[in-house]
Amino acid sequence: MKKKNLPLGYDDFRKVRETDRYFVDKSMMIGEFLDYSDEVTLITRPRRFGKTLNMTMLREFLDISKDSRDIFEGLTIMDTEYAEQINSRPVIYFTLKDCNAQTPEYLARVLCESLASEYHKYYAIAKEERGRIMDYALFEELYGKISARKATLEELSGSVSLLEQVVSEIYGRPVILLWDEYDTPIMSSHQYKYHDRISAFIANFYGSALKGQQHLERALLTGIQRVAKESIFSKLNNVIVYTTLDKDYAEYFGFTAQETKEILEYYGYALDADVKRMYDGYHIGDQDIYNPWSILNYCKRGELRPYWVNTSSNSLIRETLKTPMKGFREKFEELIENGSARVDINLETSYQELRTPATLWGLFCNAGYITVRKSITPRLVEIAIPNEEVKEEFQDIVSEYIGVENSYFLEMVQALTEADYECFFKNYKAVILNCTSYYDSVQNAGQFENPYHMLTLGMMISLDSLYQIKSNYETGDGRADIRMISKEPEKRAHIIIEFKCTEDVEKGAQEALEQIREKRYAAGLRAEIPEGEILCLGIAHFKKKCAMRHEVV
């Protein structure tokens, strides 16, 4: 039997259904939305978790100007009482996912492109009904400028609220507003350092459309950032937000374990331990969720490798790590070292408007870089890196955090696992020589007690599937800087690393190795794990010089 094509690259519900592509039925999200009474709803989820597909599904079901029964045939929603409400409301739909602009002037252009389709959709009927439309002349003028991509930000500031008014007057009832990836312009304005220049526009653009709007019945927004009640959104206090911690809407974005199992089996694969290790790990509300983009790509290619790429939030996160704030750095290092950490997390405010460690962890969570494993209190949670795919992204982030090309890391850790110590040290020295900015910044700022220790932890992030890695671990008669217990001691040695910082690096490396012997670090490890060899590494640094001594016991 010929398999259905995958919906890779398709995020429009109608196209997916009309081309008979594989579709995971999320239609009961429509019923949940209709049941709720929120005036303005915001659902925050990472990129590539199906937000646009769900929003276009809602559009097709609700839009009074469409006939959508054929494309909903066979879906769960049509076997419920909600089916009676199909194509019953005027709908305005925008997606701002492509509004990542480097300047305010370019932002105005890409916003015109995003608004143009809905303005064009309603222009003809508005022209016919212009006698009933209070501000038709203003609408026609703005339509012309948006179509020509020449409207300024000032002219666009009330563009959504004006369209709401026009569509409401056409149909004689308030509209449903669906606003996909609403936060992309805000994030890009912060990324490219012009946010202060457009803050008034942002407040008017969103505020006029969402607050005190008599022509609006309901609004649903998606994005990765929560709308804050401070600063530019101080008057926008009617938004009910559903984050990754909430049970509401939890199963509708991303694939559940059962949905993942079914799609894998359909394409001839199994939800085995390797797939789970690579792509599982997200916990949203009360659901275990898989990244749909990654699962679809795996079904297409059959290769267990990273497919998830995050763009705007990725840039913001990388930017924040160039100047790590006090209170965040320690927890970040703990997360890298252990794969989990307990942190104070704030999902109530966007990081751009209140820059604290708690809001930064909130950004990490909503962007998909971490998941909340469990809540200890409403604010104190245990976070974790979800899976191997995200861990590889973290390795790139850590490389940038430290200021080293990731390719050095990859060669170095591969050499270490293969017991090629000469190759390991050659690449280690290359890392030291190439991390000038990192070394200088930490020396000048005094942010890190031992930059080389953090450097090595960063290099080891990709090895936790092979080793149990601990730093400052009490063993023998002291604390080893780094202790790595091999999970397969018959294949690769356990590793103990001790650092020294001294001008005479050759002498320092020997002293570090002798400390491992004198403090009986290897003996302490051997008492716990009798099987396997133990590689002891003494590494000494001074500025750009380093030396290493090793022995196997």
Protein backbone atom coordinates (compact mmCIF):
# COMPACT_ATOMS: atom_id res chain seq x y z
CA MET A 1 0.00 0.00 0.00
CA LYS A 2 1.36 3.41 -0.97
CA LYS A 3 2.07 5.52 2.08
CA LYS A 4 0.73 9.03 2.46
CA ASN A 5 3.23 11.79 1.87
CA LEU A 6 4.59 13.52 4.94
CA PRO A 7 3.49 17.12 5.61
CA LEU A 8 7.08 18.37 5.86
CA GLY A 9 7.18 22.02 4.87
CA TYR A 10 3.38 22.22 4.93
CA ASP A 11 1.93 24.31 7.74
CA ASP A 12 -1.39 25.20 6.07
CA PHE A 13 -4.20 22.89 7.19
CA ARG A 14 -6.18 23.09 3.95
CA LYS A 15 -3.16 22.17 1.83
CA VAL A 16 -2.30 19.24 4.10
CA ARG A 17 -5.83 17.87 3.87
CA GLU A 18 -6.40 18.53 0.17
CA THR A 19 -3.11 16.83 -0.78
CA ASP A 20 -3.98 13.87 1.50
CA ARG A 21 -0.82 14.08 3.59
CA TYR A 22 -0.36 12.32 6.90
CA PHE A 23 -2.24 14.32 9.52
CA VAL A 24 -2.24 13.88 13.28
CA ASP A 25 -5.77 14.73 14.35
CA LYS A 26 -5.64 17.74 16.68
CA SER A 27 -9.15 18.93 15.78
CA MET A 28 -10.50 18.75 19.34
CA MET A 29 -8.40 21.81 20.08
CA ILE A 30 -11.19 23.69 18.30
CA GLY A 31 -13.71 22.40 20.85
CA GLU A 32 -11.46 23.40 23.73
CA PHE A 33 -11.09 26.89 22.29
CA LEU A 34 -14.86 27.25 21.79
CA ASP A 35 -15.56 26.06 25.35
CA TYR A 36 -13.29 28.65 26.97
CA SER A 37 -14.45 32.20 27.61
CA ASP A 38 -11.08 33.96 27.47
CA GLU A 39 -11.31 37.23 25.56
CA VAL A 40 -7.66 37.00 24.54
CA THR A 41 -5.76 33.70 24.71
CA LEU A 42 -1.99 33.32 24.30
CA ILE A 43 -0.44 29.85 23.91
CA THR A 44 3.35 29.82 24.22
CA ARG A 45 5.24 26.96 22.60
CA PRO A 46 8.65 26.43 20.98
CA ARG A 47 9.16 26.93 17.27
CA ARG A 48 8.25 24.00 15.01
CA PHE A 49 5.71 22.54 17.42
CA GLY A 50 2.76 22.84 15.04
CA LYS A 51 1.45 26.26 16.05
CA THR A 52 0.82 27.52 12.51
CA LEU A 53 -0.85 24.29 11.39
CA ASN A 54 -3.22 24.45 14.37
CA MET A 55 -4.00 28.11 13.78
CA THR A 56 -4.84 27.50 10.12
CA MET A 57 -7.01 24.56 11.21
CA LEU A 58 -8.96 26.90 13.49
CA ARG A 59 -9.23 29.42 10.67
CA GLU A 60 -10.63 26.85 8.25
CA PHE A 61 -13.17 25.56 10.78
CA LEU A 62 -14.48 28.92 11.98
CA ASP A 63 -14.27 31.15 8.90
CA ILE A 64 -17.74 32.09 7.67
CA SER A 65 -16.41 32.88 4.20
CA LYS A 66 -15.29 29.28 3.62
CA ASP A 67 -16.88 25.87 3.09
CA SER A 68 -14.65 23.47 5.04
CA ARG A 69 -16.75 20.36 5.61
CA ASP A 70 -14.84 18.28 3.07
CA ILE A 71 -11.42 18.91 4.60
CA PHE A 72 -12.70 18.13 8.11
CA GLU A 73 -14.35 14.89 7.05
CA GLY A 74 -13.19 11.98 9.23
CA LEU A 75 -11.74 14.15 11.98
CA THR A 76 -12.89 13.80 15.57
CA ILE A 77 -14.44 17.28 15.80
CA MET A 78 -17.08 16.33 13.19
CA ASP A 79 -18.48 13.62 15.47
CA THR A 80 -19.25 16.14 18.22
CA GLU A 81 -21.77 18.90 18.82
CA TYR A 82 -19.08 21.43 17.76
CA ALA A 83 -19.59 20.39 14.12
CA GLU A 84 -22.68 22.63 14.02
CA GLN A 85 -20.42 25.69 14.45
CA ILE A 86 -18.30 25.06 11.36
CA ASN A 87 -17.88 28.17 9.13
CA SER A 88 -20.00 30.28 11.45
CA ARG A 89 -17.85 33.33 12.31
CA PRO A 90 -15.93 36.12 10.60
CA VAL A 91 -12.22 35.39 11.04
CA ILE A 92 -9.05 37.45 10.63
CA TYR A 93 -5.82 35.44 10.48
CA PHE A 94 -2.25 36.75 10.49
CA THR A 95 1.09 35.06 10.89
CA LEU A 96 4.10 37.18 11.82
CA LYS A 97 6.61 34.31 11.73
CA ASP A 98 8.55 35.94 8.87
CA CYS A 99 8.67 39.40 10.47
CA ASN A 100 12.26 39.11 11.62
CA ALA A 101 13.53 42.50 10.49
CA GLN A 102 16.88 44.20 11.03
CA THR A 103 15.58 47.78 10.84
CA PRO A 104 12.29 49.57 11.63
CA GLU A 105 11.92 50.45 7.94
CA TYR A 106 12.25 46.81 6.88
CA LEU A 107 9.87 45.79 9.67
CA ALA A 108 7.22 48.05 8.14
CA ARG A 109 7.65 46.29 4.79
CA VAL A 110 7.45 42.73 6.13
CA LEU A 111 4.44 43.66 8.25
CA CYS A 112 2.75 44.93 5.10
CA GLU A 113 3.46 41.57 3.48
CA SER A 114 1.95 39.74 6.46
CA LEU A 115 -1.17 41.94 6.54
CA ALA A 116 -1.72 42.15 2.79
CA SER A 117 -3.51 38.82 2.27
CA GLU A 118 -6.23 39.54 4.85
CA TYR A 119 -6.67 43.12 3.63
CA HIS A 120 -6.99 41.81 0.08
CA LYS A 121 -9.40 39.06 1.19
CA TYR A 122 -11.90 41.57 2.55
CA TYR A 123 -11.30 44.50 0.17
CA ALA A 124 -13.74 43.46 -2.58
CA ILE A 125 -16.65 42.77 -0.25
CA ALA A 126 -15.88 45.93 1.75
CA LYS A 127 -16.02 47.94 -1.46
CA GLU A 128 -19.45 46.51 -2.24
CA GLU A 129 -20.67 47.24 1.30
CA ARG A 130 -18.87 50.59 1.70
CA GLY A 131 -22.12 52.39 2.52
CA ARG A 132 -22.30 50.41 5.77
CA ILE A 133 -18.63 50.84 6.71
CA MET A 134 -17.93 53.88 8.84
CA ASP A 135 -14.24 54.33 7.96
CA TYR A 136 -14.23 52.90 4.44
CA ALA A 137 -12.14 55.76 2.98
CA LEU A 138 -9.41 55.19 5.59
CA PHE A 139 -9.56 51.43 4.95
CA GLU A 140 -9.23 51.88 1.17
CA GLU A 141 -6.28 54.26 1.57
CA LEU A 142 -4.46 51.90 3.94
CA TYR A 143 -5.25 48.92 1.72
CA GLY A 144 -3.49 50.66 -1.15
CA LYS A 145 -0.40 51.42 0.90
CA ILE A 146 -0.23 47.90 2.38
CA SER A 147 -0.65 46.35 -1.09
CA ALA A 148 2.21 48.52 -2.39
CA ARG A 149 4.28 47.67 0.72
CA LYS A 150 4.65 51.38 1.43
CA ALA A 151 2.74 51.85 4.71
CA THR A 152 4.86 53.25 7.55
CA LEU A 153 4.87 51.86 11.07
CA GLU A 154 2.83 54.86 12.18
CA GLU A 155 0.22 54.07 9.52
CA LEU A 156 0.25 50.39 10.44
CA SER A 157 -0.20 50.94 14.18
CA GLY A 158 -4.00 50.74 13.94
CA SER A 159 -4.16 48.45 10.91
CA VAL A 160 -5.39 45.34 12.73
CA SER A 161 -8.03 47.18 14.76
CA LEU A 162 -9.27 48.93 11.57
CA LEU A 163 -9.64 45.59 9.78
CA GLU A 164 -11.51 44.18 12.79
CA GLN A 165 -13.95 47.08 12.56
CA VAL A 166 -14.45 46.69 8.80
CA VAL A 167 -14.98 42.90 8.90
CA SER A 168 -17.32 43.21 11.88
CA GLU A 169 -19.42 45.82 10.03
CA ILE A 170 -19.53 43.61 6.93
CA TYR A 171 -20.92 40.60 8.79
CA GLY A 172 -22.79 42.38 11.55
CA ARG A 173 -21.02 40.58 14.38
CA PRO A 174 -17.64 40.67 16.19
CA VAL A 175 -14.71 38.81 14.66
CA ILE A 176 -12.37 36.03 15.73
CA LEU A 177 -8.72 37.17 15.52
CA LEU A 178 -6.07 34.46 15.07
CA TRP A 179 -2.56 35.90 15.43
CA ASP A 180 0.24 33.39 14.83
CA GLU A 181 3.82 33.96 16.08
CA TYR A 182 2.79 37.38 17.36
CA ASP A 183 6.12 37.98 19.15
CA THR A 184 8.54 37.72 16.20
CA PRO A 185 8.69 41.50 15.55
CA ILE A 186 9.28 42.18 19.25
CA MET A 187 12.10 39.65 19.46
CA SER A 188 13.78 40.91 16.29
CA SER A 189 13.59 44.52 17.52
CA HIS A 190 15.50 43.47 20.63
CA GLN A 191 17.94 41.34 18.66
CA TYR A 192 18.82 44.18 16.28
CA LYS A 193 18.81 46.90 18.97
CA TYR A 194 16.00 49.16 17.77
CA HIS A 195 13.27 48.24 20.22
CA ASP A 196 13.29 51.64 21.95
CA ARG A 197 12.60 53.31 18.61
CA ILE A 198 9.41 51.30 18.00
CA SER A 199 8.04 50.74 21.51
CA ALA A 200 5.17 53.18 20.94
CA PHE A 201 4.27 51.42 17.70
CA ILE A 202 4.32 47.99 19.41
CA ALA A 203 2.02 49.21 22.16
CA ASN A 204 -0.48 50.70 19.68
CA PHE A 205 -0.26 47.86 17.15
CA TYR A 206 -1.15 45.13 19.67
CA GLY A 207 -3.07 47.20 22.19
CA SER A 208 -5.58 48.71 19.78
CA ALA A 209 -6.36 45.28 18.32
CA LEU A 210 -6.73 43.38 21.59
CA LYS A 211 -7.88 45.72 24.35
CA GLY A 212 -11.35 47.27 24.66
CA GLN A 213 -12.15 46.36 21.07
CA GLN A 214 -15.93 46.20 20.55
CA HIS A 215 -15.50 44.53 17.16
CA LEU A 216 -13.57 41.60 18.63
CA GLU A 217 -15.31 38.45 19.94
CA ARG A 218 -12.24 36.38 20.75
CA ALA A 219 -8.51 36.44 19.97
CA LEU A 220 -6.01 33.59 19.99
CA LEU A 221 -2.29 34.35 19.84
CA THR A 222 0.66 31.97 19.62
CA GLY A 223 4.34 32.69 20.19
CA ILE A 224 7.23 31.66 22.37
CA GLN A 225 7.13 34.67 24.69
CA ARG A 226 4.48 35.61 27.20
CA VAL A 227 2.89 39.04 26.97
CA ALA A 228 4.12 40.93 30.01
CA LYS A 229 1.95 43.26 32.04
CA GLU A 230 4.82 45.70 32.40
CA SER A 231 6.25 48.30 30.07
CA ILE A 232 4.71 48.48 26.58
CA PHE A 233 1.95 46.00 27.50
CA SER A 234 0.93 47.70 30.73
CA LYS A 235 -2.62 48.25 29.47
CA LEU A 236 -2.95 44.82 27.85
CA ASN A 237 -4.09 42.97 30.97
CA ASN A 238 -6.88 40.89 29.45
CA VAL A 239 -4.64 38.11 28.15
CA ILE A 240 -5.00 34.58 29.55
CA VAL A 241 -1.74 32.75 28.97
CA TYR A 242 -1.20 28.99 28.65
CA THR A 243 2.47 28.13 29.01
CA THR A 244 4.30 24.82 28.84
CA LEU A 245 3.42 24.29 32.52
CA ASP A 246 -0.35 24.38 31.94
CA LYS A 247 -2.52 21.33 31.27
CA ASP A 248 -4.87 23.31 29.00
CA TYR A 249 -4.07 22.75 25.32
CA ALA A 250 -1.12 20.55 26.36
CA GLU A 251 -1.78 17.66 23.95
CA TYR A 252 -2.42 19.79 20.87
CA PHE A 253 1.07 21.16 20.18
CA GLY A 254 3.64 18.49 19.43
CA PHE A 255 3.06 14.73 19.25
CA THR A 256 2.03 12.66 22.25
CA ALA A 257 3.80 9.34 22.83
CA GLN A 258 0.87 7.43 21.28
CA GLU A 259 0.75 9.71 18.24
CA THR A 260 4.50 9.33 17.82
CA LYS A 261 4.26 5.54 18.05
CA GLU A 262 1.50 5.45 15.42
CA ILE A 263 3.25 7.66 12.87
CA LEU A 264 6.55 5.80 13.28
CA GLU A 265 4.87 2.43 12.77
CA TYR A 266 2.99 3.74 9.73
CA TYR A 267 6.32 4.58 8.06
CA GLY A 268 8.03 1.36 9.18
CA TYR A 269 9.89 2.50 12.30
CA ALA A 270 9.56 1.79 16.02
CA LEU A 271 9.41 4.01 19.07
CA ASP A 272 12.47 2.33 20.56
CA ALA A 273 14.97 3.45 23.18
CA ASP A 274 17.19 5.18 20.61
CA VAL A 275 14.33 7.30 19.24
CA LYS A 276 13.22 8.19 22.77
CA ARG A 277 16.75 9.18 23.78
CA MET A 278 17.09 11.43 20.73
CA TYR A 279 13.65 13.08 20.59
CA ASP A 280 11.68 12.41 23.80
CA GLY A 281 11.84 14.40 27.01
CA TYR A 282 9.49 17.36 26.69
CA HIS A 283 6.94 17.57 29.47
CA ILE A 284 4.12 19.99 28.68
CA GLY A 285 1.32 20.25 31.23
CA ASP A 286 0.48 16.62 32.01
CA GLN A 287 1.69 15.27 28.66
CA ASP A 288 4.96 13.77 27.45
CA ILE A 289 5.49 15.43 24.08
CA TYR A 290 7.76 14.87 21.07
CA ASN A 291 8.89 17.62 18.71
CA PRO A 292 6.80 16.98 15.56
CA TRP A 293 9.35 18.51 13.19
CA SER A 294 12.02 16.09 14.35
CA ILE A 295 9.74 13.03 14.20
CA LEU A 296 8.54 13.90 10.68
CA ASN A 297 12.12 14.34 9.48
CA TYR A 298 13.14 11.05 11.06
CA CYS A 299 10.22 9.31 9.30
CA LYS A 300 11.43 10.78 5.99
CA ARG A 301 15.16 10.11 6.36
CA GLY A 302 15.37 7.23 8.82
CA GLU A 303 18.46 8.76 10.45
CA LEU A 304 18.71 9.56 14.16
CA ARG A 305 20.21 13.02 13.99
CA PRO A 306 19.24 16.53 15.03
CA TYR A 307 16.61 18.22 12.87
CA TRP A 308 15.28 20.89 15.20
CA VAL A 309 16.60 24.36 14.44
CA ASN A 310 15.45 27.38 16.40
CA THR A 311 16.10 30.76 14.88
CA SER A 312 15.01 34.00 16.57
CA SER A 313 14.87 32.60 20.09
CA ASN A 314 18.19 30.86 19.43
CA SER A 315 19.80 34.21 18.60
CA LEU A 316 18.37 35.86 21.70
CA ILE A 317 19.55 33.06 23.97
CA ARG A 318 23.04 33.09 22.50
CA GLU A 319 23.20 36.85 22.92
CA THR A 320 22.26 36.63 26.60
CA LEU A 321 25.02 34.12 27.29
CA LYS A 322 27.74 36.49 26.11
CA THR A 323 27.27 38.44 29.36
CA PRO A 324 25.86 35.90 31.82
CA MET A 325 24.16 37.51 34.80
CA LYS A 326 24.92 36.71 38.42
CA GLY A 327 22.74 33.89 39.68
CA PHE A 328 22.21 32.44 36.22
CA ARG A 329 25.73 31.29 35.40
CA GLU A 330 25.99 28.87 38.32
CA LYS A 331 22.70 27.15 37.47
CA PHE A 332 23.61 27.07 33.79
CA GLU A 333 26.85 25.27 34.61
CA GLU A 334 24.95 22.87 36.88
CA LEU A 335 22.52 22.13 34.05
CA ILE A 336 25.38 21.47 31.63
CA GLU A 337 27.18 19.25 34.10
CA ASN A 338 24.26 17.25 35.48
CA GLY A 339 21.63 17.54 32.78
CA SER A 340 19.23 19.06 35.33
CA ALA A 341 19.04 21.82 37.94
CA ARG A 342 16.59 23.45 40.33
CA VAL A 343 15.85 27.03 39.34
CA ASP A 344 13.48 29.89 40.03
CA ILE A 345 11.50 30.25 36.80
CA ASN A 346 9.26 33.10 35.74
CA LEU A 347 6.82 32.48 32.89
CA GLU A 348 4.72 35.47 33.89
CA THR A 349 6.92 38.08 32.22
CA SER A 350 8.88 38.14 28.97
CA TYR A 351 12.66 38.26 29.29
CA GLN A 352 12.92 41.28 27.00
CA GLU A 353 10.93 43.41 29.43
CA LEU A 354 12.38 42.17 32.72
CA ARG A 355 15.88 40.78 32.48
CA THR A 356 16.38 38.46 35.43
CA PRO A 357 17.65 34.88 35.75
CA ALA A 358 14.08 33.70 36.36
CA THR A 359 12.70 35.26 33.16
CA LEU A 360 15.71 33.98 31.20
CA TRP A 361 14.93 30.44 32.36
CA GLY A 362 11.35 31.15 31.28
CA LEU A 363 12.63 32.01 27.81
CA PHE A 364 14.73 28.83 27.71
CA CYS A 365 11.64 26.82 28.65
CA ASN A 366 9.24 28.37 26.15
CA ALA A 367 11.87 28.23 23.41
CA GLY A 368 12.26 24.47 23.88
CA TYR A 369 15.82 24.37 25.22
CA ILE A 370 14.76 23.00 28.58
CA THR A 371 11.72 21.26 29.96
CA VAL A 372 10.27 21.35 33.45
CA ARG A 373 10.68 17.91 34.95
CA LYS A 374 8.68 18.71 38.09
CA SER A 375 7.39 21.68 40.07
CA ILE A 376 8.56 21.99 43.67
CA THR A 377 6.71 25.29 44.28
CA PRO A 378 4.89 27.57 41.80
CA ARG A 379 8.22 29.22 40.98
CA LEU A 380 10.86 26.66 41.99
CA VAL A 381 11.12 23.88 39.43
CA GLU A 382 13.49 21.15 38.36
CA ILE A 383 14.56 21.70 34.76
CA ALA A 384 16.31 19.34 32.39
CA ILE A 385 17.73 19.26 28.88
CA PRO A 386 15.00 17.26 27.11
CA ASN A 387 16.95 14.92 24.83
CA GLU A 388 20.07 14.27 22.77
CA GLU A 389 18.87 16.45 19.90
CA VAL A 390 18.59 19.53 22.10
CA LYS A 391 21.80 18.59 23.86
CA GLU A 392 23.67 18.95 20.58
CA GLU A 393 22.20 22.43 20.24
CA PHE A 394 23.40 23.12 23.78
CA GLN A 395 26.87 22.03 22.79
CA ASP A 396 26.88 24.73 20.10
CA ILE A 397 25.58 27.25 22.64
CA VAL A 398 28.26 26.28 25.15
CA SER A 399 30.90 26.61 22.43
CA GLU A 400 29.75 30.16 21.84
CA TYR A 401 29.45 30.77 25.59
CA ILE A 402 33.10 29.85 25.95
CA GLY A 403 34.23 31.36 22.64
CA VAL A 404 35.49 28.20 20.89
CA GLU A 405 34.65 26.59 17.57
CA ASN A 406 32.53 23.49 18.17
CA SER A 407 34.53 21.46 15.63
CA TYR A 408 37.47 21.40 18.07
CA PHE A 409 35.21 19.92 20.73
CA LEU A 410 33.92 17.19 18.45
CA GLU A 411 37.38 16.01 17.42
CA MET A 412 38.70 16.22 20.93
CA VAL A 413 35.98 14.25 22.68
CA GLN A 414 36.02 11.64 19.91
CA ALA A 415 39.76 11.18 20.47
CA LEU A 416 39.22 10.87 24.21
CA THR A 417 36.62 8.12 23.84
CA GLU A 418 38.96 6.25 21.47
CA ALA A 419 41.92 6.53 23.89
CA ASP A 420 43.90 8.56 21.34
CA TYR A 421 45.46 10.80 23.96
CA GLU A 422 47.93 12.47 21.62
CA CYS A 423 45.08 13.59 19.33
CA PHE A 424 43.03 14.63 22.37
CA PHE A 425 45.76 16.89 23.70
CA LYS A 426 46.57 18.35 20.28
CA ASN A 427 42.95 19.45 19.91
CA TYR A 428 42.80 20.56 23.53
CA LYS A 429 45.71 22.92 22.92
CA ALA A 430 44.00 24.17 19.77
CA VAL A 431 40.95 25.00 21.86
CA ILE A 432 43.06 26.94 24.35
CA LEU A 433 44.74 28.87 21.53
CA ASN A 434 41.42 29.72 19.92
CA CYS A 435 39.46 30.82 22.97
CA THR A 436 41.16 34.22 23.34
CA SER A 437 37.95 36.16 23.81
CA TYR A 438 36.70 33.74 26.41
CA TYR A 439 39.95 33.73 28.37
CA ASP A 440 40.33 37.51 28.27
CA SER A 441 36.72 38.19 29.25
CA VAL A 442 36.73 35.89 32.23
CA GLN A 443 40.09 37.13 33.40
CA ASN A 444 39.01 40.74 33.17
CA ALA A 445 35.52 40.28 34.59
CA GLY A 446 36.46 37.73 37.25
CA GLN A 447 33.29 35.81 36.48
CA PHE A 448 34.69 32.29 36.62
CA GLU A 449 36.73 30.74 39.37
CA ASN A 450 38.30 28.33 36.89
CA PRO A 451 37.65 29.06 33.22
CA TYR A 452 39.45 25.90 32.11
CA HIS A 453 37.20 23.80 34.30
CA MET A 454 34.14 25.30 32.61
CA LEU A 455 35.85 24.86 29.26
CA THR A 456 36.28 21.14 29.85
CA LEU A 457 32.71 20.74 31.14
CA GLY A 458 31.56 22.33 27.91
CA MET A 459 33.60 19.87 25.92
CA MET A 460 32.09 16.96 27.81
CA ILE A 461 28.42 17.86 27.32
CA SER A 462 28.09 15.46 24.42
CA LEU A 463 29.49 12.53 26.40
CA ASP A 464 26.85 11.98 29.06
CA SER A 465 25.42 9.06 27.10
CA LEU A 466 28.83 7.36 27.52
CA TYR A 467 29.90 8.64 30.93
CA GLN A 468 28.47 9.70 34.25
CA ILE A 469 30.23 13.04 34.66
CA LYS A 470 30.74 14.88 37.96
CA SER A 471 32.87 17.86 38.94
CA ASN A 472 34.42 18.56 42.34
CA TYR A 473 33.40 15.05 43.29
CA GLU A 474 34.47 13.71 46.67
CA THR A 475 36.47 10.54 46.13
CA GLY A 476 39.45 8.97 47.85
CA ASP A 477 40.95 11.58 50.19
CA GLY A 478 39.77 14.72 48.39
CA ARG A 479 37.70 16.17 45.54
CA ALA A 480 38.62 15.44 41.94
CA ASP A 481 38.05 18.34 39.53
CA ILE A 482 36.29 16.08 37.04
CA ARG A 483 35.37 12.41 37.37
CA MET A 484 33.90 10.48 34.44
CA ILE A 485 32.58 6.98 35.06
CA SER A 486 32.29 4.96 31.87
CA LYS A 487 28.88 3.39 31.33
CA GLU A 488 30.58 0.64 29.32
CA PRO A 489 33.92 0.07 31.09
CA GLU A 490 34.73 -2.86 28.84
CA LYS A 491 34.82 -0.47 25.86
CA ARG A 492 36.34 2.70 27.30
CA ALA A 493 38.23 3.77 30.41
CA HIS A 494 36.94 5.80 33.35
CA ILE A 495 38.57 9.25 33.47
CA ILE A 496 39.80 11.50 36.29
CA ILE A 497 40.99 15.04 35.47
CA GLU A 498 42.81 17.43 37.77
CA PHE A 499 43.69 21.03 36.78
CA LYS A 500 46.51 23.32 37.86
CA CYS A 501 47.09 26.96 36.97
CA THR A 502 50.78 27.88 37.09
CA GLU A 503 53.46 29.56 34.95
CA ASP A 504 55.50 26.34 34.76
CA VAL A 505 52.88 24.27 32.97
CA GLU A 506 55.09 21.19 32.59
CA LYS A 507 55.71 21.05 36.32
CA GLY A 508 52.06 21.89 37.02
CA ALA A 509 50.80 19.00 34.87
CA GLN A 510 53.04 16.58 36.75
CA GLU A 511 51.85 17.99 40.10
CA ALA A 512 48.24 17.55 39.02
CA LEU A 513 48.88 13.92 38.15
CA GLU A 514 50.68 13.38 41.47
CA GLN A 515 47.71 14.90 43.31
CA ILE A 516 45.46 12.30 41.73
CA ARG A 517 47.79 9.61 43.13
CA GLU A 518 48.34 11.19 46.55
CA LYS A 519 44.65 11.94 47.14
CA ARG A 520 43.77 8.41 45.99
CA TYR A 521 41.13 9.62 43.53
CA ALA A 522 41.55 6.51 41.37
CA ALA A 523 41.43 4.24 44.41
CA GLY A 524 38.19 5.85 45.51
CA LEU A 525 36.66 5.32 42.08
CA ARG A 526 37.94 1.72 41.98
CA ALA A 527 36.26 1.00 45.29
CA GLU A 528 32.94 2.00 43.72
CA ILE A 529 33.50 0.52 40.23
CA PRO A 530 35.89 -2.44 40.14
CA GLU A 531 35.65 -3.00 36.38
CA GLY A 532 37.58 -1.11 33.72
CA GLU A 533 40.77 0.92 33.36
CA ILE A 534 41.10 4.41 34.82
CA LEU A 535 42.71 7.20 32.80
CA CYS A 536 44.27 9.85 35.05
CA LEU A 537 44.85 13.25 33.41
CA GLY A 538 46.86 16.09 34.93
CA ILE A 539 46.38 19.34 32.95
CA ALA A 540 48.11 22.65 33.70
CA HIS A 541 47.46 26.07 32.12
CA PHE A 542 48.93 29.50 32.11
CA LYS A 543 47.29 31.94 29.74
CA LYS A 544 47.72 30.31 26.30
CA LYS A 545 50.16 27.64 27.43
CA CYS A 546 49.12 24.22 28.62
CA ALA A 547 50.65 20.82 29.32
CA MET A 548 49.24 17.38 30.08
CA ARG A 549 50.44 14.24 31.83
CA HIS A 550 48.52 10.99 31.89
CA GLU A 551 48.67 7.46 33.12
CA VAL A 552 46.32 4.49 32.98
CA VAL A 553 45.77 2.43 36.13
